[in-house]
């Protein structure tokens, strides 16, 4: 089965949506802070395990998305609209700068309750593969069914995790170069892009609902 340019653009769009939704650059200072007491080797191991966990979580959502919806009797259009609303809420918190401050508060709350094993919880889930990323992945899997499209989206997830791994690997350098101002600017740009994607999810869900009825 050949892959058309439209298919490739779809996978690129999915990759960009994950980047905008998770905002890995905005996660850099969170990762650097939470691993500040670890050695270089421990930080690298945490980084690797975190992104392996992200791949597993999002790929599970990708392959079992339809099954999960069927079990709970939720229509895909309802899920698209709900996922779009959730994405917009996250985007608004990114635009007003509330997202990073909330993540830092969450980090301070849980930091005293954890010791070494922070890779899966809270870094992989819910900070990276959170409700927004999971719901968005399920929406994309239902928008583009078929093994070929699922495989393409899976490759996009793996590339996204590799990008996160590279950014977190260079966390001390990025924190020094960008500073709080640079990270805040990038977060707001990602928030605007993410809000557009959320609106698109809602419009698609509403259009499909009216076509059914």
N, C-alpha and C. Protein backbone atom coordinates (compact mmCIF):
# COMPACT_ATOMS: atom_id res chain seq x y z
N UNK A 1 0.85 -1.20 0.00
CA UNK A 1 0.00 0.00 0.00
C UNK A 1 0.88 1.24 0.00
N UNK A 2 0.72 2.10 -0.99
CA UNK A 2 1.52 3.30 -1.10
C UNK A 2 1.08 4.38 -0.15
N UNK A 3 2.00 5.27 0.14
CA UNK A 3 1.71 6.39 1.03
C UNK A 3 1.72 7.66 0.20
N UNK A 4 0.60 8.38 0.20
CA UNK A 4 0.48 9.60 -0.58
C UNK A 4 1.02 10.78 0.21
N UNK A 5 1.17 11.92 -0.48
CA UNK A 5 1.63 13.13 0.19
C UNK A 5 0.61 13.61 1.21
N UNK A 6 -0.68 13.39 0.94
CA UNK A 6 -1.70 13.79 1.90
C UNK A 6 -1.59 12.97 3.19
N UNK A 7 -1.22 11.67 3.04
CA UNK A 7 -1.02 10.84 4.21
C UNK A 7 0.15 11.36 5.04
N UNK A 8 1.23 11.70 4.37
CA UNK A 8 2.41 12.21 5.07
C UNK A 8 2.08 13.52 5.78
N UNK A 9 1.32 14.38 5.12
CA UNK A 9 0.93 15.65 5.76
C UNK A 9 0.05 15.40 6.97
N UNK A 10 -0.77 14.34 6.92
CA UNK A 10 -1.61 13.99 8.07
C UNK A 10 -0.75 13.58 9.25
N UNK A 11 0.28 12.76 9.01
CA UNK A 11 1.14 12.32 10.09
C UNK A 11 1.97 13.48 10.65
N UNK A 12 2.38 14.38 9.77
CA UNK A 12 3.11 15.57 10.22
C UNK A 12 2.21 16.44 11.09
N UNK A 13 0.95 16.56 10.67
CA UNK A 13 -0.01 17.35 11.45
C UNK A 13 -0.24 16.73 12.82
N UNK A 14 -0.33 15.41 12.87
CA UNK A 14 -0.49 14.72 14.15
C UNK A 14 0.73 14.94 15.04
N UNK A 15 1.92 14.86 14.44
CA UNK A 15 3.16 15.11 15.19
C UNK A 15 3.18 16.52 15.76
N UNK A 16 2.81 17.50 14.93
CA UNK A 16 2.80 18.90 15.38
C UNK A 16 1.75 19.10 16.48
N UNK A 17 0.60 18.41 16.35
CA UNK A 17 -0.44 18.55 17.37
C UNK A 17 0.05 18.03 18.72
N UNK A 18 0.82 16.94 18.72
CA UNK A 18 1.38 16.43 19.97
C UNK A 18 2.38 17.42 20.56
N UNK A 19 3.21 18.00 19.69
CA UNK A 19 4.20 18.99 20.15
C UNK A 19 3.49 20.20 20.76
N UNK A 20 2.42 20.66 20.11
CA UNK A 20 1.70 21.82 20.61
C UNK A 20 0.95 21.48 21.89
N UNK A 21 0.39 20.28 21.95
CA UNK A 21 -0.40 19.89 23.11
C UNK A 21 0.46 19.68 24.35
N UNK A 22 1.56 18.99 24.18
CA UNK A 22 2.43 18.67 25.32
C UNK A 22 3.40 19.82 25.62
N UNK A 23 3.83 20.55 24.56
CA UNK A 23 4.80 21.64 24.70
C UNK A 23 6.06 21.15 25.42
N UNK A 24 6.84 20.25 24.80
CA UNK A 24 8.02 19.70 25.47
C UNK A 24 9.05 20.75 25.86
N UNK A 25 9.12 21.87 25.11
CA UNK A 25 10.07 22.92 25.50
C UNK A 25 9.65 23.53 26.84
N UNK A 26 8.35 23.71 27.01
CA UNK A 26 7.86 24.21 28.30
C UNK A 26 8.07 23.22 29.44
N UNK A 27 8.22 21.93 29.07
CA UNK A 27 8.46 20.90 30.08
C UNK A 27 9.91 20.83 30.52
N UNK A 28 10.81 21.46 29.77
CA UNK A 28 12.25 21.35 30.05
C UNK A 28 12.59 21.79 31.48
N UNK A 29 12.16 23.00 31.92
CA UNK A 29 12.51 23.39 33.29
C UNK A 29 11.90 22.48 34.35
N UNK A 30 10.72 21.89 34.07
CA UNK A 30 10.11 20.95 35.01
C UNK A 30 10.98 19.70 35.12
N UNK A 31 11.41 19.18 33.98
CA UNK A 31 12.26 17.98 33.98
C UNK A 31 13.59 18.27 34.67
N UNK A 32 14.18 19.42 34.35
CA UNK A 32 15.48 19.77 34.94
C UNK A 32 15.37 19.90 36.46
N UNK A 33 14.26 20.48 36.92
CA UNK A 33 14.08 20.67 38.36
C UNK A 33 13.85 19.34 39.07
N UNK A 34 13.02 18.49 38.47
CA UNK A 34 12.67 17.23 39.13
C UNK A 34 13.82 16.24 39.14
N UNK A 35 14.79 16.41 38.25
CA UNK A 35 15.95 15.52 38.21
C UNK A 35 17.21 16.21 38.71
N UNK A 36 17.05 17.34 39.39
CA UNK A 36 18.21 18.13 39.82
C UNK A 36 19.08 17.38 40.82
N UNK A 37 18.48 16.47 41.60
CA UNK A 37 19.25 15.73 42.60
C UNK A 37 19.83 14.43 42.07
N UNK A 38 19.62 14.16 40.77
CA UNK A 38 20.12 12.92 40.18
C UNK A 38 21.47 13.15 39.52
N UNK A 39 22.25 12.08 39.44
CA UNK A 39 23.51 12.14 38.70
C UNK A 39 23.19 12.18 37.20
N UNK A 40 24.20 12.46 36.38
CA UNK A 40 24.00 12.50 34.93
C UNK A 40 23.47 11.17 34.42
N UNK A 41 24.04 10.06 34.91
CA UNK A 41 23.59 8.73 34.48
C UNK A 41 22.13 8.49 34.90
N UNK A 42 21.80 8.85 36.13
CA UNK A 42 20.43 8.66 36.61
C UNK A 42 19.45 9.53 35.82
N UNK A 43 19.85 10.78 35.51
CA UNK A 43 18.99 11.67 34.73
C UNK A 43 18.76 11.10 33.33
N UNK A 44 19.80 10.57 32.72
CA UNK A 44 19.65 9.98 31.39
C UNK A 44 18.75 8.75 31.42
N UNK A 45 18.87 7.94 32.47
CA UNK A 45 18.00 6.76 32.61
C UNK A 45 16.55 7.18 32.82
N UNK A 46 16.34 8.22 33.61
CA UNK A 46 14.99 8.74 33.84
C UNK A 46 14.39 9.26 32.54
N UNK A 47 15.20 9.97 31.77
CA UNK A 47 14.76 10.51 30.48
C UNK A 47 14.35 9.38 29.54
N UNK A 48 15.18 8.33 29.46
CA UNK A 48 14.89 7.20 28.57
C UNK A 48 13.62 6.48 28.98
N UNK A 49 13.49 6.17 30.27
CA UNK A 49 12.32 5.45 30.76
C UNK A 49 11.05 6.28 30.60
N UNK A 50 11.16 7.59 30.79
CA UNK A 50 10.01 8.48 30.63
C UNK A 50 9.45 8.40 29.22
N UNK A 51 10.32 8.50 28.23
CA UNK A 51 9.85 8.55 26.85
C UNK A 51 9.45 7.18 26.32
N UNK A 52 10.04 6.10 26.84
CA UNK A 52 9.56 4.77 26.51
C UNK A 52 8.13 4.60 27.04
N UNK A 53 7.88 5.10 28.25
CA UNK A 53 6.55 5.02 28.85
C UNK A 53 5.55 5.84 28.05
N UNK A 54 5.97 7.01 27.55
CA UNK A 54 5.09 7.84 26.72
C UNK A 54 4.68 7.09 25.45
N UNK A 55 5.65 6.42 24.82
CA UNK A 55 5.36 5.65 23.61
C UNK A 55 4.33 4.56 23.91
N UNK A 56 4.52 3.84 25.01
CA UNK A 56 3.60 2.75 25.37
C UNK A 56 2.20 3.29 25.64
N UNK A 57 2.11 4.38 26.40
CA UNK A 57 0.80 4.95 26.77
C UNK A 57 0.05 5.44 25.54
N UNK A 58 0.73 6.23 24.69
CA UNK A 58 0.05 6.81 23.53
C UNK A 58 -0.24 5.77 22.45
N UNK A 59 0.64 4.80 22.27
CA UNK A 59 0.37 3.75 21.28
C UNK A 59 -0.77 2.86 21.74
N UNK A 60 -0.89 2.62 23.05
CA UNK A 60 -2.03 1.87 23.57
C UNK A 60 -3.33 2.62 23.28
N UNK A 61 -3.30 3.94 23.48
CA UNK A 61 -4.48 4.76 23.17
C UNK A 61 -4.78 4.72 21.68
N UNK A 62 -3.72 4.70 20.87
CA UNK A 62 -3.89 4.69 19.42
C UNK A 62 -4.55 3.40 18.93
N UNK A 63 -4.11 2.26 19.46
CA UNK A 63 -4.61 0.97 18.99
C UNK A 63 -5.94 0.59 19.64
N UNK A 64 -6.17 1.02 20.88
CA UNK A 64 -7.37 0.58 21.60
C UNK A 64 -8.40 1.69 21.75
N UNK A 65 -8.19 2.82 21.05
CA UNK A 65 -9.09 3.96 21.20
C UNK A 65 -10.53 3.62 20.91
N UNK A 66 -10.78 3.00 19.76
CA UNK A 66 -12.15 2.64 19.38
C UNK A 66 -12.76 1.65 20.36
N UNK A 67 -11.95 0.68 20.81
CA UNK A 67 -12.45 -0.32 21.75
C UNK A 67 -12.86 0.31 23.06
N UNK A 68 -12.05 1.25 23.54
CA UNK A 68 -12.37 1.94 24.80
C UNK A 68 -13.68 2.70 24.67
N UNK A 69 -13.87 3.40 23.56
CA UNK A 69 -15.10 4.15 23.35
C UNK A 69 -16.31 3.21 23.27
N UNK A 70 -16.14 2.07 22.59
CA UNK A 70 -17.25 1.12 22.46
C UNK A 70 -17.64 0.54 23.81
N UNK A 71 -16.65 0.28 24.65
CA UNK A 71 -16.94 -0.30 25.97
C UNK A 71 -17.82 0.64 26.79
N UNK A 72 -17.53 1.94 26.71
CA UNK A 72 -18.29 2.91 27.50
C UNK A 72 -19.48 3.48 26.73
N UNK A 73 -19.69 3.01 25.50
CA UNK A 73 -20.84 3.47 24.73
C UNK A 73 -20.77 4.94 24.35
N UNK A 74 -19.57 5.42 24.07
CA UNK A 74 -19.36 6.83 23.72
C UNK A 74 -19.17 6.94 22.21
N UNK A 75 -19.92 7.83 21.57
CA UNK A 75 -19.75 8.02 20.13
C UNK A 75 -18.48 8.82 19.87
N UNK A 76 -17.89 8.59 18.71
CA UNK A 76 -16.65 9.29 18.38
C UNK A 76 -16.88 10.78 18.24
N UNK A 77 -18.07 11.19 17.77
CA UNK A 77 -18.33 12.62 17.63
C UNK A 77 -18.38 13.31 18.99
N UNK A 78 -19.01 12.64 19.96
CA UNK A 78 -19.03 13.19 21.32
C UNK A 78 -17.62 13.30 21.87
N UNK A 79 -16.81 12.28 21.59
CA UNK A 79 -15.43 12.30 22.09
C UNK A 79 -14.61 13.37 21.41
N UNK A 80 -14.87 13.59 20.11
CA UNK A 80 -14.16 14.66 19.40
C UNK A 80 -14.47 16.01 20.03
N UNK A 81 -15.74 16.26 20.30
CA UNK A 81 -16.14 17.54 20.88
C UNK A 81 -15.55 17.71 22.28
N UNK A 82 -15.66 16.64 23.10
CA UNK A 82 -15.11 16.70 24.46
C UNK A 82 -13.59 16.89 24.42
N UNK A 83 -12.92 16.15 23.51
CA UNK A 83 -11.47 16.29 23.38
C UNK A 83 -11.09 17.68 22.91
N UNK A 84 -11.88 18.25 21.99
CA UNK A 84 -11.61 19.62 21.53
C UNK A 84 -11.74 20.64 22.64
N UNK A 85 -12.78 20.48 23.47
CA UNK A 85 -12.97 21.40 24.60
C UNK A 85 -11.80 21.29 25.57
N UNK A 86 -11.37 20.05 25.86
CA UNK A 86 -10.23 19.85 26.76
C UNK A 86 -8.97 20.49 26.20
N UNK A 87 -8.74 20.31 24.90
CA UNK A 87 -7.56 20.89 24.26
C UNK A 87 -7.60 22.42 24.34
N UNK A 88 -8.78 23.00 24.13
CA UNK A 88 -8.92 24.46 24.21
C UNK A 88 -8.64 24.97 25.61
N UNK A 89 -9.12 24.23 26.62
CA UNK A 89 -8.87 24.63 28.02
C UNK A 89 -7.37 24.63 28.31
N UNK A 90 -6.67 23.57 27.84
CA UNK A 90 -5.22 23.51 28.03
C UNK A 90 -4.53 24.65 27.28
N UNK A 91 -5.02 24.94 26.05
CA UNK A 91 -4.44 26.01 25.26
C UNK A 91 -4.60 27.37 25.95
N UNK A 92 -5.76 27.59 26.55
CA UNK A 92 -6.00 28.86 27.24
C UNK A 92 -5.06 29.01 28.43
N UNK A 93 -4.81 27.90 29.14
CA UNK A 93 -3.88 27.97 30.27
C UNK A 93 -2.46 28.23 29.79
N UNK A 94 -2.14 27.77 28.57
CA UNK A 94 -0.82 28.05 28.01
C UNK A 94 -0.71 29.52 27.60
N UNK A 95 -1.78 30.07 27.05
CA UNK A 95 -1.76 31.45 26.58
C UNK A 95 -1.65 32.45 27.73
N UNK A 96 -2.27 32.13 28.85
CA UNK A 96 -2.20 33.07 29.98
C UNK A 96 -1.08 32.74 30.96
N UNK A 97 -0.25 31.74 30.60
CA UNK A 97 0.91 31.41 31.42
C UNK A 97 0.60 30.59 32.64
N UNK A 98 -0.63 30.07 32.74
CA UNK A 98 -1.04 29.34 33.93
C UNK A 98 -0.56 27.91 33.93
N UNK A 99 -0.32 27.34 32.73
CA UNK A 99 0.03 25.92 32.64
C UNK A 99 1.34 25.60 33.34
N UNK A 100 2.38 26.37 33.03
CA UNK A 100 3.69 26.09 33.62
C UNK A 100 3.67 26.29 35.13
N UNK A 101 2.98 27.35 35.59
CA UNK A 101 2.91 27.58 37.04
C UNK A 101 2.16 26.45 37.72
N UNK A 102 1.11 25.93 37.08
CA UNK A 102 0.37 24.81 37.65
C UNK A 102 1.23 23.56 37.71
N UNK A 103 2.03 23.32 36.64
CA UNK A 103 2.89 22.14 36.64
C UNK A 103 3.96 22.26 37.72
N UNK A 104 4.45 23.48 37.95
CA UNK A 104 5.45 23.67 38.99
C UNK A 104 4.84 23.44 40.38
N UNK A 105 3.59 23.87 40.57
CA UNK A 105 2.92 23.61 41.84
C UNK A 105 2.72 22.11 42.04
N UNK A 106 2.33 21.42 40.96
CA UNK A 106 2.16 19.97 41.04
C UNK A 106 3.48 19.30 41.37
N UNK A 107 4.54 19.79 40.72
CA UNK A 107 5.87 19.24 40.98
C UNK A 107 6.26 19.41 42.43
N UNK A 108 6.03 20.60 43.00
CA UNK A 108 6.39 20.86 44.39
C UNK A 108 5.57 20.01 45.35
N UNK A 109 4.33 19.72 44.96
CA UNK A 109 3.45 18.93 45.82
C UNK A 109 3.90 17.49 45.88
N UNK A 110 4.28 16.94 44.72
CA UNK A 110 4.59 15.51 44.67
C UNK A 110 6.08 15.22 44.89
N UNK A 111 6.91 16.26 44.85
CA UNK A 111 8.35 16.01 44.93
C UNK A 111 8.74 15.41 46.27
N UNK A 112 8.05 15.82 47.34
CA UNK A 112 8.37 15.30 48.66
C UNK A 112 7.89 13.86 48.84
N UNK A 113 6.96 13.42 47.97
CA UNK A 113 6.38 12.08 48.12
C UNK A 113 7.05 11.06 47.23
N UNK A 114 8.02 11.48 46.42
CA UNK A 114 8.68 10.55 45.51
C UNK A 114 10.18 10.62 45.75
N UNK A 115 10.87 9.56 45.36
CA UNK A 115 12.31 9.56 45.54
C UNK A 115 13.02 9.42 44.20
N UNK A 116 13.20 8.21 43.71
CA UNK A 116 13.94 8.02 42.47
C UNK A 116 13.04 7.73 41.28
N UNK A 117 11.94 7.03 41.51
CA UNK A 117 11.12 6.56 40.39
C UNK A 117 10.10 7.62 39.98
N UNK A 118 10.56 8.63 39.22
CA UNK A 118 9.67 9.69 38.76
C UNK A 118 9.46 9.62 37.25
N UNK A 119 10.06 8.64 36.61
CA UNK A 119 10.00 8.58 35.15
C UNK A 119 8.59 8.32 34.65
N UNK A 120 7.91 7.30 35.21
CA UNK A 120 6.57 6.95 34.75
C UNK A 120 5.55 7.92 35.32
N UNK A 121 5.59 8.11 36.64
CA UNK A 121 4.70 9.05 37.32
C UNK A 121 5.57 9.99 38.13
N UNK A 122 5.53 11.28 37.90
CA UNK A 122 4.55 12.01 37.10
C UNK A 122 5.04 12.46 35.71
N UNK A 123 6.30 12.15 35.35
CA UNK A 123 6.83 12.73 34.11
C UNK A 123 6.11 12.18 32.87
N UNK A 124 6.07 10.85 32.71
CA UNK A 124 5.40 10.29 31.52
C UNK A 124 3.90 10.55 31.58
N UNK A 125 3.32 10.27 32.74
CA UNK A 125 1.89 10.48 32.93
C UNK A 125 1.68 11.04 34.34
N UNK A 126 1.07 12.21 34.49
CA UNK A 126 0.25 12.90 33.49
C UNK A 126 0.92 14.10 32.80
N UNK A 127 2.20 14.38 33.10
CA UNK A 127 2.79 15.62 32.59
C UNK A 127 2.99 15.60 31.08
N UNK A 128 3.35 14.46 30.49
CA UNK A 128 3.53 14.39 29.03
C UNK A 128 2.34 13.70 28.39
N UNK A 129 2.16 12.42 28.67
CA UNK A 129 1.01 11.69 28.13
C UNK A 129 -0.17 11.85 29.08
N UNK A 130 -0.68 13.06 29.14
CA UNK A 130 -1.80 13.37 30.01
C UNK A 130 -3.14 13.16 29.31
N UNK A 131 -4.22 13.58 29.95
CA UNK A 131 -5.56 13.41 29.35
C UNK A 131 -5.68 14.07 27.98
N UNK A 132 -5.07 15.24 27.81
CA UNK A 132 -5.16 15.93 26.53
C UNK A 132 -4.49 15.16 25.41
N UNK A 133 -3.27 14.67 25.66
CA UNK A 133 -2.54 13.91 24.63
C UNK A 133 -3.23 12.59 24.33
N UNK A 134 -3.73 11.93 25.37
CA UNK A 134 -4.40 10.65 25.18
C UNK A 134 -5.68 10.82 24.38
N UNK A 135 -6.50 11.81 24.76
CA UNK A 135 -7.77 12.03 24.05
C UNK A 135 -7.51 12.46 22.61
N UNK A 136 -6.50 13.29 22.40
CA UNK A 136 -6.16 13.72 21.05
C UNK A 136 -5.71 12.53 20.19
N UNK A 137 -4.93 11.63 20.78
CA UNK A 137 -4.47 10.44 20.05
C UNK A 137 -5.65 9.55 19.65
N UNK A 138 -6.61 9.38 20.56
CA UNK A 138 -7.79 8.57 20.25
C UNK A 138 -8.58 9.21 19.12
N UNK A 139 -8.72 10.54 19.16
CA UNK A 139 -9.45 11.24 18.10
C UNK A 139 -8.77 11.02 16.75
N UNK A 140 -7.45 11.15 16.71
CA UNK A 140 -6.73 10.97 15.45
C UNK A 140 -6.86 9.53 14.95
N UNK A 141 -6.86 8.56 15.87
CA UNK A 141 -6.97 7.16 15.46
C UNK A 141 -8.32 6.85 14.85
N UNK A 142 -9.36 7.55 15.32
CA UNK A 142 -10.70 7.33 14.77
C UNK A 142 -10.93 8.15 13.51
N UNK A 143 -10.25 9.27 13.39
CA UNK A 143 -10.36 10.08 12.16
C UNK A 143 -9.71 9.38 10.97
N UNK A 144 -8.64 8.64 11.24
CA UNK A 144 -7.88 7.99 10.18
C UNK A 144 -7.69 6.51 10.52
N UNK A 145 -8.77 5.71 10.39
CA UNK A 145 -8.67 4.28 10.70
C UNK A 145 -7.89 3.53 9.63
N UNK A 146 -7.60 2.29 9.92
CA UNK A 146 -6.83 1.47 8.99
C UNK A 146 -5.42 1.26 9.50
N UNK A 147 -4.87 0.07 9.25
CA UNK A 147 -3.56 -0.27 9.80
C UNK A 147 -2.48 0.67 9.30
N UNK A 148 -2.54 1.04 8.01
CA UNK A 148 -1.51 1.92 7.45
C UNK A 148 -1.46 3.26 8.15
N UNK A 149 -2.64 3.85 8.38
CA UNK A 149 -2.70 5.15 9.07
C UNK A 149 -2.28 5.02 10.54
N UNK A 150 -2.71 3.93 11.18
CA UNK A 150 -2.33 3.71 12.57
C UNK A 150 -0.81 3.58 12.69
N UNK A 151 -0.21 2.86 11.72
CA UNK A 151 1.25 2.71 11.73
C UNK A 151 1.93 4.06 11.53
N UNK A 152 1.38 4.89 10.62
CA UNK A 152 1.95 6.22 10.41
C UNK A 152 1.88 7.07 11.66
N UNK A 153 0.73 7.03 12.36
CA UNK A 153 0.58 7.79 13.60
C UNK A 153 1.51 7.25 14.70
N UNK A 154 1.72 5.93 14.69
CA UNK A 154 2.64 5.33 15.65
C UNK A 154 4.06 5.83 15.44
N UNK A 155 4.46 5.94 14.17
CA UNK A 155 5.79 6.48 13.86
C UNK A 155 5.89 7.93 14.33
N UNK A 156 4.79 8.69 14.16
CA UNK A 156 4.77 10.09 14.63
C UNK A 156 4.94 10.15 16.14
N UNK A 157 4.32 9.21 16.87
CA UNK A 157 4.46 9.17 18.33
C UNK A 157 5.90 8.87 18.71
N UNK A 158 6.51 7.91 18.01
CA UNK A 158 7.90 7.56 18.31
C UNK A 158 8.83 8.75 18.04
N UNK A 159 8.60 9.46 16.91
CA UNK A 159 9.42 10.64 16.60
C UNK A 159 9.21 11.73 17.64
N UNK A 160 7.97 11.89 18.10
CA UNK A 160 7.68 12.87 19.16
C UNK A 160 8.44 12.52 20.43
N UNK A 161 8.46 11.25 20.80
CA UNK A 161 9.18 10.83 22.00
C UNK A 161 10.68 11.02 21.85
N UNK A 162 11.19 10.78 20.63
CA UNK A 162 12.62 11.03 20.39
C UNK A 162 12.94 12.51 20.55
N UNK A 163 12.03 13.38 20.05
CA UNK A 163 12.22 14.82 20.21
C UNK A 163 12.25 15.19 21.70
N UNK A 164 11.32 14.65 22.47
CA UNK A 164 11.30 14.91 23.92
C UNK A 164 12.59 14.43 24.57
N UNK A 165 13.05 13.25 24.16
CA UNK A 165 14.29 12.69 24.72
C UNK A 165 15.47 13.62 24.44
N UNK A 166 15.55 14.13 23.21
CA UNK A 166 16.65 15.02 22.86
C UNK A 166 16.58 16.33 23.64
N UNK A 167 15.37 16.88 23.77
CA UNK A 167 15.21 18.14 24.50
C UNK A 167 15.56 17.97 25.97
N UNK A 168 15.07 16.88 26.59
CA UNK A 168 15.34 16.65 28.00
C UNK A 168 16.82 16.33 28.23
N UNK A 169 17.42 15.68 27.24
CA UNK A 169 18.85 15.38 27.34
C UNK A 169 19.66 16.68 27.41
N UNK A 170 19.16 17.70 26.72
CA UNK A 170 19.86 18.99 26.69
C UNK A 170 19.20 20.00 27.63
N UNK A 171 18.48 19.51 28.62
CA UNK A 171 17.70 20.39 29.51
C UNK A 171 18.54 21.50 30.16
N UNK A 172 19.69 21.19 30.76
CA UNK A 172 20.47 22.27 31.39
C UNK A 172 20.85 23.37 30.40
N UNK A 173 21.21 22.99 29.17
CA UNK A 173 21.61 23.96 28.15
C UNK A 173 20.43 24.84 27.75
N UNK A 174 19.24 24.22 27.51
CA UNK A 174 18.07 24.97 27.08
C UNK A 174 17.60 25.93 28.17
N UNK A 175 17.62 25.49 29.42
CA UNK A 175 17.20 26.35 30.52
C UNK A 175 18.10 27.58 30.59
N UNK A 176 19.40 27.36 30.37
CA UNK A 176 20.35 28.47 30.41
C UNK A 176 20.16 29.42 29.23
N UNK A 177 19.95 28.88 28.02
CA UNK A 177 19.85 29.69 26.81
C UNK A 177 18.52 30.43 26.69
N UNK A 178 17.42 29.73 26.93
CA UNK A 178 16.09 30.32 26.74
C UNK A 178 15.68 31.21 27.90
N UNK A 179 15.95 30.74 29.10
CA UNK A 179 15.49 31.49 30.26
C UNK A 179 13.96 31.42 30.37
N UNK A 180 13.43 32.02 31.43
CA UNK A 180 11.98 32.01 31.65
C UNK A 180 11.23 32.73 30.54
N UNK A 181 11.80 33.85 30.06
CA UNK A 181 11.12 34.63 29.02
C UNK A 181 10.97 33.85 27.72
N UNK A 182 12.04 33.22 27.26
CA UNK A 182 11.99 32.45 26.03
C UNK A 182 11.02 31.28 26.12
N UNK A 183 11.02 30.59 27.25
CA UNK A 183 10.12 29.46 27.43
C UNK A 183 8.67 29.93 27.46
N UNK A 184 8.41 31.07 28.09
CA UNK A 184 7.04 31.60 28.15
C UNK A 184 6.55 32.00 26.75
N UNK A 185 7.43 32.59 25.94
CA UNK A 185 7.04 32.98 24.57
C UNK A 185 6.68 31.75 23.75
N UNK A 186 7.52 30.72 23.80
CA UNK A 186 7.25 29.50 23.05
C UNK A 186 5.97 28.83 23.53
N UNK A 187 5.74 28.85 24.83
CA UNK A 187 4.52 28.26 25.40
C UNK A 187 3.28 28.94 24.85
N UNK A 188 3.30 30.26 24.73
CA UNK A 188 2.14 30.99 24.22
C UNK A 188 1.91 30.74 22.73
N UNK A 189 2.99 30.62 21.97
CA UNK A 189 2.85 30.30 20.54
C UNK A 189 2.23 28.92 20.38
N UNK A 190 2.71 27.95 21.15
CA UNK A 190 2.15 26.61 21.11
C UNK A 190 0.69 26.62 21.54
N UNK A 191 0.36 27.46 22.51
CA UNK A 191 -1.02 27.55 22.99
C UNK A 191 -1.97 28.03 21.91
N UNK A 192 -1.53 29.02 21.11
CA UNK A 192 -2.37 29.53 20.03
C UNK A 192 -2.60 28.46 18.97
N UNK A 193 -1.53 27.73 18.61
CA UNK A 193 -1.66 26.65 17.64
C UNK A 193 -2.57 25.55 18.18
N UNK A 194 -2.41 25.25 19.45
CA UNK A 194 -3.21 24.20 20.07
C UNK A 194 -4.69 24.57 20.11
N UNK A 195 -5.00 25.82 20.38
CA UNK A 195 -6.40 26.25 20.41
C UNK A 195 -7.04 26.08 19.04
N UNK A 196 -6.30 26.36 17.98
CA UNK A 196 -6.82 26.17 16.62
C UNK A 196 -7.15 24.71 16.37
N UNK A 197 -6.28 23.80 16.84
CA UNK A 197 -6.54 22.37 16.68
C UNK A 197 -7.76 21.94 17.47
N UNK A 198 -7.94 22.49 18.67
CA UNK A 198 -9.10 22.16 19.48
C UNK A 198 -10.39 22.59 18.80
N UNK A 199 -10.39 23.79 18.22
CA UNK A 199 -11.56 24.28 17.48
C UNK A 199 -11.86 23.37 16.30
N UNK A 200 -10.81 22.89 15.63
CA UNK A 200 -11.00 22.00 14.49
C UNK A 200 -11.64 20.68 14.93
N UNK A 201 -11.22 20.15 16.09
CA UNK A 201 -11.82 18.93 16.62
C UNK A 201 -13.32 19.12 16.84
N UNK A 202 -13.68 20.26 17.46
CA UNK A 202 -15.09 20.53 17.79
C UNK A 202 -15.91 20.68 16.52
N UNK A 203 -15.39 21.45 15.55
CA UNK A 203 -16.12 21.65 14.28
C UNK A 203 -16.35 20.32 13.57
N UNK A 204 -15.32 19.48 13.54
CA UNK A 204 -15.45 18.17 12.90
C UNK A 204 -16.51 17.32 13.59
N UNK A 205 -16.51 17.34 14.93
CA UNK A 205 -17.49 16.57 15.68
C UNK A 205 -18.91 17.05 15.44
N UNK A 206 -19.10 18.37 15.42
CA UNK A 206 -20.44 18.93 15.21
C UNK A 206 -20.92 18.64 13.79
N UNK A 207 -20.04 18.83 12.80
CA UNK A 207 -20.42 18.55 11.41
C UNK A 207 -20.83 17.09 11.23
N UNK A 208 -20.05 16.19 11.80
CA UNK A 208 -20.35 14.76 11.66
C UNK A 208 -21.66 14.41 12.36
N UNK A 209 -21.95 15.05 13.48
CA UNK A 209 -23.19 14.78 14.21
C UNK A 209 -24.40 15.20 13.37
N UNK A 210 -24.33 16.38 12.75
CA UNK A 210 -25.43 16.87 11.94
C UNK A 210 -25.61 16.02 10.67
N UNK A 211 -24.51 15.48 10.13
CA UNK A 211 -24.61 14.63 8.95
C UNK A 211 -25.32 13.32 9.29
N UNK A 212 -25.10 12.84 10.52
CA UNK A 212 -25.75 11.60 10.95
C UNK A 212 -27.25 11.80 11.09
N UNK A 213 -27.62 12.94 11.70
CA UNK A 213 -29.03 13.19 11.96
C UNK A 213 -29.69 13.99 10.86
